[in-house]
């Protein structure tokens, strides 16, 4: 599923750093990124970027024990990346995304890129770096979908994002 933890974390950090420096597009689109998961583009939207850092296998016919092992692997990846980013930028702020998902369900706007994340992960760990924020989160978009570790970079502050 994943390669050695240190090389995976190093690649994930390199991609996050690359996205922190990348300008946000004026229009919605996809941007291929060599540091991302093979075959998975980085989604760039006005005001943000979202990158898939890790993905487990689909779970539609997975044995429950295998599914639990994959969930634990995803959670361990999130914990490792959170620890490294906390050494860089201090402890994260944890932001629950349920309210933003509810806003989307009601047809209300949610500022990018959290609109792309809230259906995938329940909460994100965030850090404020200058005029941008970095968020990472892990989750599953549905019971049969793969677990994913995602990163997002947005402008402004997370607290001001509805």
Protein backbone atom coordinates (compact mmCIF):
# COMPACT_ATOMS: atom_id res chain seq x y z
CA UNK A 1 0.00 0.00 0.00
CA UNK A 2 2.56 2.59 1.02
CA UNK A 3 6.30 2.69 0.82
CA UNK A 4 8.65 3.10 3.76
CA UNK A 5 7.14 5.61 6.23
CA UNK A 6 10.06 8.05 6.11
CA UNK A 7 10.15 8.28 2.33
CA UNK A 8 6.35 8.62 2.19
CA UNK A 9 6.35 11.43 4.77
CA UNK A 10 9.23 13.16 2.97
CA UNK A 11 7.30 13.07 -0.34
CA UNK A 12 4.16 14.34 1.37
CA UNK A 13 6.07 17.23 2.97
CA UNK A 14 7.66 18.11 -0.37
CA UNK A 15 4.23 18.24 -2.02
CA UNK A 16 2.78 20.40 0.79
CA UNK A 17 5.74 22.79 0.49
CA UNK A 18 5.33 22.91 -3.29
CA UNK A 19 1.64 23.76 -2.97
CA UNK A 20 2.28 26.42 -0.32
CA UNK A 21 4.38 28.30 -2.85
CA UNK A 22 2.08 27.74 -5.84
CA UNK A 23 -0.25 30.58 -6.85
CA UNK A 24 -3.96 29.90 -6.73
CA UNK A 25 -5.67 29.76 -10.13
CA UNK A 26 -8.23 32.28 -11.31
CA UNK A 27 -10.53 29.43 -12.45
CA UNK A 28 -11.37 25.88 -11.34
CA UNK A 29 -9.16 23.17 -12.80
CA UNK A 30 -6.82 20.25 -12.28
CA UNK A 31 -3.06 20.51 -12.06
CA UNK A 32 -0.88 17.43 -12.36
CA UNK A 33 1.83 17.28 -9.73
CA UNK A 34 4.80 14.95 -9.90
CA UNK A 35 4.91 14.67 -6.10
CA UNK A 36 1.31 13.49 -5.73
CA UNK A 37 -0.10 9.99 -5.73
CA UNK A 38 0.46 8.52 -9.21
CA UNK A 39 -2.56 9.14 -11.39
CA UNK A 40 -4.12 11.53 -8.88
CA UNK A 41 -3.96 15.21 -9.75
CA UNK A 42 -3.87 18.08 -7.35
CA UNK A 43 -7.15 19.95 -7.46
CA UNK A 44 -6.52 23.68 -7.71
CA UNK A 45 -9.39 26.10 -7.26
CA UNK A 46 -9.59 29.85 -6.77
CA UNK A 47 -8.38 30.33 -3.21
CA UNK A 48 -6.87 26.90 -2.64
CA UNK A 49 -5.29 23.59 -3.53
CA UNK A 50 -6.22 20.06 -2.42
CA UNK A 51 -3.84 17.12 -2.84
CA UNK A 52 -4.32 13.46 -2.17
CA UNK A 53 -1.27 12.35 -0.18
CA UNK A 54 -2.21 8.69 0.27
CA UNK A 55 -5.04 6.39 -0.76
CA UNK A 56 -5.87 2.87 0.34
CA UNK A 57 -7.59 0.30 -1.83
CA UNK A 58 -11.35 0.35 -2.52
CA UNK A 59 -13.31 -1.40 0.21
CA UNK A 60 -16.45 -2.64 -1.57
CA UNK A 61 -15.53 -6.31 -1.04
CA UNK A 62 -12.87 -5.99 1.67
CA UNK A 63 -12.74 -8.30 4.64
CA UNK A 64 -13.65 -6.28 7.80
CA UNK A 65 -10.26 -7.09 9.36
CA UNK A 66 -8.47 -5.83 6.23
CA UNK A 67 -10.61 -2.68 6.20
CA UNK A 68 -9.69 -2.01 9.83
CA UNK A 69 -6.00 -2.48 9.05
CA UNK A 70 -6.27 0.01 6.17
CA UNK A 71 -8.10 2.51 8.42
CA UNK A 72 -5.34 2.16 11.01
CA UNK A 73 -2.67 2.67 8.35
CA UNK A 74 -4.40 5.85 7.23
CA UNK A 75 -4.71 7.11 10.82
CA UNK A 76 -1.02 6.34 11.43
CA UNK A 77 -0.09 8.30 8.32
CA UNK A 78 -2.12 11.27 9.54
CA UNK A 79 -0.52 11.07 13.00
CA UNK A 80 3.01 10.90 11.55
CA UNK A 81 2.45 13.85 9.23
CA UNK A 82 0.78 15.86 12.01
CA UNK A 83 3.77 15.23 14.27
CA UNK A 84 6.27 16.41 11.65
CA UNK A 85 4.25 19.51 10.74
CA UNK A 86 3.83 20.29 14.45
CA UNK A 87 7.61 20.30 14.83
CA UNK A 88 7.77 22.86 12.01
CA UNK A 89 4.85 25.11 12.87
CA UNK A 90 3.72 24.26 16.41
CA UNK A 91 0.59 22.46 17.55
CA UNK A 92 -2.29 22.41 15.06
CA UNK A 93 -5.77 23.77 15.46
CA UNK A 94 -8.33 21.03 14.88
CA UNK A 95 -11.30 22.18 12.80
CA UNK A 96 -14.47 20.09 12.55
CA UNK A 97 -15.98 20.11 9.06
CA UNK A 98 -19.50 18.81 9.82
CA UNK A 99 -20.96 22.33 9.84
CA UNK A 100 -19.44 23.04 6.44
CA UNK A 101 -20.82 19.78 5.03
CA UNK A 102 -24.25 20.75 6.39
CA UNK A 103 -23.96 24.16 4.69
CA UNK A 104 -23.23 22.42 1.38
CA UNK A 105 -26.21 20.11 1.87
CA UNK A 106 -28.43 23.16 2.33
CA UNK A 107 -27.02 24.71 -0.85
CA UNK A 108 -25.10 27.37 1.05
CA UNK A 109 -21.59 28.37 0.02
CA UNK A 110 -18.46 27.00 1.64
CA UNK A 111 -15.25 28.75 0.75
CA UNK A 112 -12.69 26.72 -1.18
CA UNK A 113 -10.88 24.51 -0.64
CA UNK A 114 -12.80 23.31 2.42
CA UNK A 115 -15.80 22.71 0.16
CA UNK A 116 -13.75 19.95 -1.50
CA UNK A 117 -12.64 18.44 1.82
CA UNK A 118 -15.79 18.39 3.93
CA UNK A 119 -17.34 15.39 2.17
CA UNK A 120 -14.09 13.44 2.47
CA UNK A 121 -12.88 14.08 6.03
CA UNK A 122 -14.65 14.91 9.28
CA UNK A 123 -11.93 17.17 10.70
CA UNK A 124 -8.65 18.72 9.70
CA UNK A 125 -5.49 19.70 11.55
CA UNK A 126 -4.58 23.24 10.50
CA UNK A 127 -1.63 25.61 10.73
CA UNK A 128 -1.52 29.27 9.80
CA UNK A 129 1.58 30.24 7.81
CA UNK A 130 1.55 33.88 6.77
CA UNK A 131 -1.51 34.69 4.68
CA UNK A 132 -2.25 31.02 3.99
CA UNK A 133 -3.32 28.00 6.01
CA UNK A 134 -2.35 24.37 5.63
CA UNK A 135 -4.76 21.59 6.59
CA UNK A 136 -4.41 17.82 6.62
CA UNK A 137 -7.10 15.27 7.26
CA UNK A 138 -7.89 11.61 6.77
CA UNK A 139 -11.16 9.94 6.05
CA UNK A 140 -13.41 7.99 3.80
CA UNK A 141 -16.00 9.56 1.49
CA UNK A 142 -18.36 6.60 1.99
CA UNK A 143 -18.40 3.08 3.44
CA UNK A 144 -17.06 1.36 0.32
CA UNK A 145 -14.69 4.12 -0.78
CA UNK A 146 -10.96 4.08 -0.02
CA UNK A 147 -9.48 5.81 2.99
CA UNK A 148 -7.52 8.91 1.99
CA UNK A 149 -5.02 11.29 3.50
CA UNK A 150 -5.54 14.77 2.07
CA UNK A 151 -3.81 18.13 2.33
CA UNK A 152 -5.27 21.53 1.54
CA UNK A 153 -3.79 24.98 1.30
CA UNK A 154 -6.06 28.02 1.42
CA UNK A 155 -5.84 31.76 1.64
CA UNK A 156 -6.76 33.87 4.64
CA UNK A 157 -7.43 32.00 7.88
CA UNK A 158 -9.43 28.85 8.50
CA UNK A 159 -11.44 30.57 11.24
CA UNK A 160 -12.89 33.05 8.73
CA UNK A 161 -13.91 30.30 6.30
CA UNK A 162 -17.65 29.53 6.62
